[in-house]
Amino acid sequence: MPMCGGWSDIKLFDPEVKKICLEVRPMIEKMVGTDFKIFIPLVWSSQVVAGTNYMFKVLVDVDGDGVCVHALIFQPLPCSEKELSVMKIQCHKSIDDPLIPPEHLQK
């Protein structure tokens, strides 16, 4: 478990976090402006704030390249009655590119 405000280690997707990633797929596709042929969650990290920030690395098929998208997702606390949101994304990343701090991702 990460300290409040710190990012966790990089982890493989478990069913609970994979469900979150798949739920935001339409939002990511809208931000990128395309429907992905594939959408395979690879790894993630999280940060506890007033809710949870997630960084996801997802393998997508953009123009047949099989590149990755990095996405910053915010999951608010249940008591806030707000929904999941995609805060920032970075497209056309290679599978070898590490997850990067959110301040470097593009809106």
N, C-alpha and C. Protein backbone atom coordinates (compact mmCIF):
# COMPACT_ATOMS: atom_id res chain seq x y z
N MET A 1 0.85 -1.18 0.00
CA MET A 1 0.00 0.00 0.00
C MET A 1 0.89 1.24 0.00
N PRO A 2 0.67 2.18 -0.95
CA PRO A 2 1.49 3.38 -0.97
C PRO A 2 1.13 4.32 0.17
N MET A 3 2.10 5.15 0.54
CA MET A 3 1.82 6.20 1.51
C MET A 3 0.90 7.21 0.84
N CYS A 4 0.14 7.92 1.62
CA CYS A 4 -0.74 8.94 1.07
C CYS A 4 0.09 9.94 0.27
N GLY A 5 -0.27 10.09 -1.00
CA GLY A 5 0.44 11.02 -1.88
C GLY A 5 1.56 10.39 -2.67
N GLY A 6 2.08 9.24 -2.25
CA GLY A 6 3.16 8.59 -2.98
C GLY A 6 2.61 7.55 -3.95
N TRP A 7 3.36 7.29 -5.02
CA TRP A 7 2.95 6.30 -6.01
C TRP A 7 3.40 4.92 -5.59
N SER A 8 2.55 3.93 -5.82
CA SER A 8 2.88 2.54 -5.51
C SER A 8 3.89 2.00 -6.52
N ASP A 9 4.40 0.82 -6.23
CA ASP A 9 5.23 0.12 -7.21
C ASP A 9 4.36 -0.23 -8.42
N ILE A 10 5.00 -0.50 -9.55
CA ILE A 10 4.29 -0.95 -10.75
C ILE A 10 3.81 -2.37 -10.53
N LYS A 11 2.56 -2.63 -10.88
CA LYS A 11 1.94 -3.94 -10.64
C LYS A 11 1.26 -4.45 -11.91
N LEU A 12 1.11 -5.77 -11.99
CA LEU A 12 0.29 -6.37 -13.03
C LEU A 12 -1.18 -6.19 -12.65
N PHE A 13 -2.05 -6.15 -13.64
CA PHE A 13 -3.47 -5.94 -13.38
C PHE A 13 -4.08 -7.13 -12.67
N ASP A 14 -4.90 -6.83 -11.67
CA ASP A 14 -5.75 -7.83 -11.02
C ASP A 14 -7.17 -7.56 -11.52
N PRO A 15 -8.11 -8.47 -11.28
CA PRO A 15 -9.47 -8.29 -11.82
C PRO A 15 -10.14 -6.97 -11.42
N GLU A 16 -9.95 -6.53 -10.18
CA GLU A 16 -10.60 -5.30 -9.71
C GLU A 16 -10.10 -4.07 -10.46
N VAL A 17 -8.78 -3.94 -10.61
CA VAL A 17 -8.21 -2.78 -11.28
C VAL A 17 -8.43 -2.88 -12.80
N LYS A 18 -8.40 -4.08 -13.33
CA LYS A 18 -8.67 -4.27 -14.77
C LYS A 18 -10.08 -3.78 -15.10
N LYS A 19 -11.04 -4.04 -14.21
CA LYS A 19 -12.42 -3.58 -14.42
C LYS A 19 -12.47 -2.05 -14.53
N ILE A 20 -11.70 -1.36 -13.69
CA ILE A 20 -11.64 0.11 -13.75
C ILE A 20 -11.08 0.55 -15.10
N CYS A 21 -10.00 -0.10 -15.53
CA CYS A 21 -9.37 0.25 -16.79
C CYS A 21 -10.34 0.06 -17.96
N LEU A 22 -11.04 -1.06 -17.99
CA LEU A 22 -11.98 -1.32 -19.08
C LEU A 22 -13.17 -0.36 -19.05
N GLU A 23 -13.54 0.07 -17.86
CA GLU A 23 -14.66 1.02 -17.73
C GLU A 23 -14.34 2.37 -18.36
N VAL A 24 -13.07 2.78 -18.31
CA VAL A 24 -12.71 4.08 -18.86
C VAL A 24 -12.26 4.00 -20.33
N ARG A 25 -12.27 2.81 -20.91
CA ARG A 25 -11.86 2.66 -22.32
C ARG A 25 -12.58 3.64 -23.25
N PRO A 26 -13.91 3.76 -23.20
CA PRO A 26 -14.58 4.70 -24.11
C PRO A 26 -14.09 6.15 -23.94
N MET A 27 -13.78 6.54 -22.70
CA MET A 27 -13.28 7.90 -22.47
C MET A 27 -11.90 8.09 -23.10
N ILE A 28 -11.05 7.08 -22.96
CA ILE A 28 -9.71 7.15 -23.55
C ILE A 28 -9.80 7.19 -25.07
N GLU A 29 -10.64 6.34 -25.64
CA GLU A 29 -10.82 6.33 -27.09
C GLU A 29 -11.33 7.68 -27.59
N LYS A 30 -12.23 8.29 -26.85
CA LYS A 30 -12.75 9.61 -27.24
C LYS A 30 -11.63 10.65 -27.21
N MET A 31 -10.79 10.61 -26.18
CA MET A 31 -9.69 11.57 -26.06
C MET A 31 -8.68 11.39 -27.19
N VAL A 32 -8.42 10.14 -27.57
CA VAL A 32 -7.45 9.85 -28.63
C VAL A 32 -8.09 10.10 -30.00
N GLY A 33 -9.40 9.91 -30.09
CA GLY A 33 -10.11 10.13 -31.35
C GLY A 33 -10.15 8.90 -32.24
N THR A 34 -10.12 7.72 -31.64
CA THR A 34 -10.18 6.48 -32.41
C THR A 34 -10.73 5.35 -31.55
N ASP A 35 -11.27 4.33 -32.21
CA ASP A 35 -11.66 3.10 -31.52
C ASP A 35 -10.49 2.13 -31.65
N PHE A 36 -9.99 1.65 -30.54
CA PHE A 36 -8.85 0.74 -30.56
C PHE A 36 -9.29 -0.65 -30.99
N LYS A 37 -8.47 -1.29 -31.82
CA LYS A 37 -8.74 -2.66 -32.24
C LYS A 37 -8.48 -3.62 -31.09
N ILE A 38 -7.47 -3.32 -30.29
CA ILE A 38 -7.20 -4.10 -29.09
C ILE A 38 -7.05 -3.13 -27.92
N PHE A 39 -7.24 -3.63 -26.73
CA PHE A 39 -7.14 -2.80 -25.52
C PHE A 39 -6.78 -3.75 -24.39
N ILE A 40 -5.48 -3.95 -24.19
CA ILE A 40 -5.00 -4.93 -23.23
C ILE A 40 -4.26 -4.22 -22.10
N PRO A 41 -4.87 -4.15 -20.90
CA PRO A 41 -4.19 -3.55 -19.75
C PRO A 41 -2.92 -4.34 -19.41
N LEU A 42 -1.80 -3.63 -19.24
CA LEU A 42 -0.52 -4.28 -18.96
C LEU A 42 -0.08 -4.12 -17.52
N VAL A 43 0.17 -2.87 -17.11
CA VAL A 43 0.64 -2.60 -15.75
C VAL A 43 0.00 -1.32 -15.24
N TRP A 44 0.10 -1.14 -13.92
CA TRP A 44 -0.50 0.04 -13.30
C TRP A 44 0.24 0.40 -12.04
N SER A 45 -0.03 1.63 -11.59
CA SER A 45 0.46 2.14 -10.32
C SER A 45 -0.66 3.00 -9.75
N SER A 46 -0.65 3.20 -8.44
CA SER A 46 -1.71 4.01 -7.84
C SER A 46 -1.13 4.99 -6.83
N GLN A 47 -1.92 6.01 -6.55
CA GLN A 47 -1.56 7.06 -5.60
C GLN A 47 -2.81 7.38 -4.79
N VAL A 48 -2.70 7.29 -3.47
CA VAL A 48 -3.84 7.59 -2.60
C VAL A 48 -3.87 9.10 -2.35
N VAL A 49 -4.99 9.71 -2.70
CA VAL A 49 -5.23 11.14 -2.48
C VAL A 49 -6.63 11.23 -1.86
N ALA A 50 -7.41 12.21 -2.21
CA ALA A 50 -8.81 12.25 -1.77
C ALA A 50 -9.61 11.38 -2.74
N GLY A 51 -9.24 10.13 -2.78
CA GLY A 51 -9.69 9.15 -3.75
C GLY A 51 -8.43 8.39 -4.16
N THR A 52 -8.41 7.88 -5.38
CA THR A 52 -7.22 7.17 -5.86
C THR A 52 -6.91 7.59 -7.29
N ASN A 53 -5.65 7.96 -7.53
CA ASN A 53 -5.15 8.15 -8.88
C ASN A 53 -4.56 6.84 -9.34
N TYR A 54 -4.85 6.48 -10.58
CA TYR A 54 -4.25 5.31 -11.19
C TYR A 54 -3.50 5.74 -12.44
N MET A 55 -2.33 5.15 -12.66
CA MET A 55 -1.61 5.27 -13.92
C MET A 55 -1.70 3.91 -14.58
N PHE A 56 -2.25 3.86 -15.79
CA PHE A 56 -2.40 2.61 -16.53
C PHE A 56 -1.53 2.63 -17.78
N LYS A 57 -0.90 1.51 -18.08
CA LYS A 57 -0.26 1.30 -19.38
C LYS A 57 -1.10 0.25 -20.08
N VAL A 58 -1.62 0.62 -21.27
CA VAL A 58 -2.52 -0.24 -22.02
C VAL A 58 -1.99 -0.43 -23.42
N LEU A 59 -1.90 -1.68 -23.86
CA LEU A 59 -1.50 -1.99 -25.22
C LEU A 59 -2.70 -1.78 -26.12
N VAL A 60 -2.54 -0.94 -27.14
CA VAL A 60 -3.62 -0.65 -28.08
C VAL A 60 -3.09 -0.83 -29.50
N ASP A 61 -4.00 -0.98 -30.43
CA ASP A 61 -3.60 -1.13 -31.82
C ASP A 61 -3.96 0.16 -32.55
N VAL A 62 -3.01 1.06 -32.66
CA VAL A 62 -3.21 2.32 -33.35
C VAL A 62 -2.51 2.20 -34.70
N ASP A 63 -3.27 2.22 -35.77
CA ASP A 63 -2.72 2.10 -37.13
C ASP A 63 -1.90 0.83 -37.30
N GLY A 64 -2.28 -0.24 -36.59
CA GLY A 64 -1.60 -1.51 -36.72
C GLY A 64 -0.24 -1.58 -36.05
N ASP A 65 0.12 -0.54 -35.26
CA ASP A 65 1.45 -0.47 -34.65
C ASP A 65 1.56 -1.24 -33.34
N GLY A 66 0.45 -1.49 -32.65
CA GLY A 66 0.51 -2.15 -31.36
C GLY A 66 1.23 -1.32 -30.31
N VAL A 67 0.99 -0.04 -30.30
CA VAL A 67 1.63 0.86 -29.34
C VAL A 67 0.81 0.92 -28.05
N CYS A 68 1.36 1.60 -27.06
CA CYS A 68 0.68 1.73 -25.76
C CYS A 68 0.17 3.14 -25.53
N VAL A 69 -0.83 3.21 -24.69
CA VAL A 69 -1.34 4.48 -24.18
C VAL A 69 -1.11 4.46 -22.67
N HIS A 70 -0.63 5.58 -22.13
CA HIS A 70 -0.53 5.75 -20.69
C HIS A 70 -1.67 6.68 -20.29
N ALA A 71 -2.38 6.33 -19.24
CA ALA A 71 -3.53 7.13 -18.83
C ALA A 71 -3.53 7.36 -17.33
N LEU A 72 -3.86 8.57 -16.93
CA LEU A 72 -4.05 8.92 -15.53
C LEU A 72 -5.55 8.95 -15.27
N ILE A 73 -5.99 8.09 -14.36
CA ILE A 73 -7.40 7.94 -14.04
C ILE A 73 -7.61 8.36 -12.59
N PHE A 74 -8.69 9.08 -12.33
CA PHE A 74 -9.03 9.44 -10.95
C PHE A 74 -10.30 8.71 -10.54
N GLN A 75 -10.22 7.98 -9.42
CA GLN A 75 -11.38 7.32 -8.83
C GLN A 75 -11.70 8.05 -7.52
N PRO A 76 -12.79 8.82 -7.50
CA PRO A 76 -13.13 9.56 -6.29
C PRO A 76 -13.60 8.64 -5.17
N LEU A 77 -13.61 9.17 -3.96
CA LEU A 77 -14.14 8.42 -2.83
C LEU A 77 -15.62 8.14 -3.06
N PRO A 78 -16.11 6.99 -2.62
CA PRO A 78 -17.53 6.66 -2.82
C PRO A 78 -18.48 7.71 -2.25
N CYS A 79 -18.11 8.35 -1.16
CA CYS A 79 -19.00 9.34 -0.54
C CYS A 79 -19.16 10.61 -1.38
N SER A 80 -18.29 10.81 -2.38
CA SER A 80 -18.36 12.03 -3.19
C SER A 80 -19.44 11.95 -4.26
N GLU A 81 -19.93 10.75 -4.55
CA GLU A 81 -20.94 10.52 -5.57
C GLU A 81 -20.49 10.99 -6.95
N LYS A 82 -19.18 11.08 -7.18
CA LYS A 82 -18.64 11.42 -8.49
C LYS A 82 -18.22 10.14 -9.19
N GLU A 83 -17.94 10.24 -10.50
CA GLU A 83 -17.60 9.06 -11.29
C GLU A 83 -16.11 9.04 -11.64
N LEU A 84 -15.67 7.89 -12.13
CA LEU A 84 -14.31 7.76 -12.65
C LEU A 84 -14.08 8.79 -13.73
N SER A 85 -12.85 9.29 -13.83
CA SER A 85 -12.55 10.24 -14.91
C SER A 85 -11.13 10.02 -15.40
N VAL A 86 -10.95 10.24 -16.69
CA VAL A 86 -9.62 10.20 -17.30
C VAL A 86 -9.08 11.61 -17.24
N MET A 87 -8.00 11.80 -16.50
CA MET A 87 -7.44 13.13 -16.29
C MET A 87 -6.48 13.52 -17.41
N LYS A 88 -5.59 12.60 -17.79
CA LYS A 88 -4.58 12.88 -18.81
C LYS A 88 -4.21 11.58 -19.50
N ILE A 89 -3.74 11.70 -20.74
CA ILE A 89 -3.26 10.53 -21.47
C ILE A 89 -1.99 10.89 -22.23
N GLN A 90 -1.24 9.86 -22.58
CA GLN A 90 -0.10 10.02 -23.46
C GLN A 90 -0.16 8.87 -24.45
N CYS A 91 -0.18 9.19 -25.73
CA CYS A 91 -0.34 8.20 -26.79
C CYS A 91 0.99 7.85 -27.43
N HIS A 92 0.93 6.80 -28.22
CA HIS A 92 2.07 6.36 -29.04
C HIS A 92 3.32 6.09 -28.21
N LYS A 93 3.13 5.44 -27.09
CA LYS A 93 4.24 5.01 -26.25
C LYS A 93 4.61 3.59 -26.67
N SER A 94 5.88 3.25 -26.53
CA SER A 94 6.28 1.87 -26.84
C SER A 94 6.01 1.01 -25.61
N ILE A 95 5.98 -0.27 -25.81
CA ILE A 95 5.74 -1.19 -24.70
C ILE A 95 6.85 -1.11 -23.66
N ASP A 96 8.03 -0.65 -24.07
CA ASP A 96 9.17 -0.54 -23.15
C ASP A 96 9.20 0.78 -22.38
N ASP A 97 8.40 1.76 -22.77
CA ASP A 97 8.39 3.04 -22.08
C ASP A 97 7.82 2.88 -20.67
N PRO A 98 8.51 3.39 -19.66
CA PRO A 98 8.00 3.27 -18.30
C PRO A 98 6.83 4.22 -18.07
N LEU A 99 6.00 3.88 -17.09
CA LEU A 99 4.97 4.83 -16.66
C LEU A 99 5.68 6.05 -16.10
N ILE A 100 5.16 7.22 -16.45
CA ILE A 100 5.83 8.46 -16.06
C ILE A 100 4.93 9.27 -15.12
N PRO A 101 5.51 10.19 -14.36
CA PRO A 101 4.69 11.01 -13.46
C PRO A 101 3.62 11.78 -14.23
N PRO A 102 2.44 11.93 -13.63
CA PRO A 102 1.32 12.56 -14.33
C PRO A 102 1.55 13.97 -14.81
N GLU A 103 2.44 14.71 -14.19
CA GLU A 103 2.64 16.11 -14.62
C GLU A 103 3.21 16.17 -16.04
N HIS A 104 3.71 15.06 -16.57
CA HIS A 104 4.26 15.05 -17.91
C HIS A 104 3.28 14.55 -18.95
N LEU A 105 2.11 14.09 -18.54
CA LEU A 105 1.12 13.60 -19.50
C LEU A 105 0.34 14.76 -20.09
N GLN A 106 -0.12 14.58 -21.32
CA GLN A 106 -0.87 15.63 -22.01
C GLN A 106 -2.36 15.47 -21.74
N LYS A 107 -3.03 16.61 -21.63
CA LYS A 107 -4.49 16.58 -21.49
C LYS A 107 -5.10 16.32 -22.83
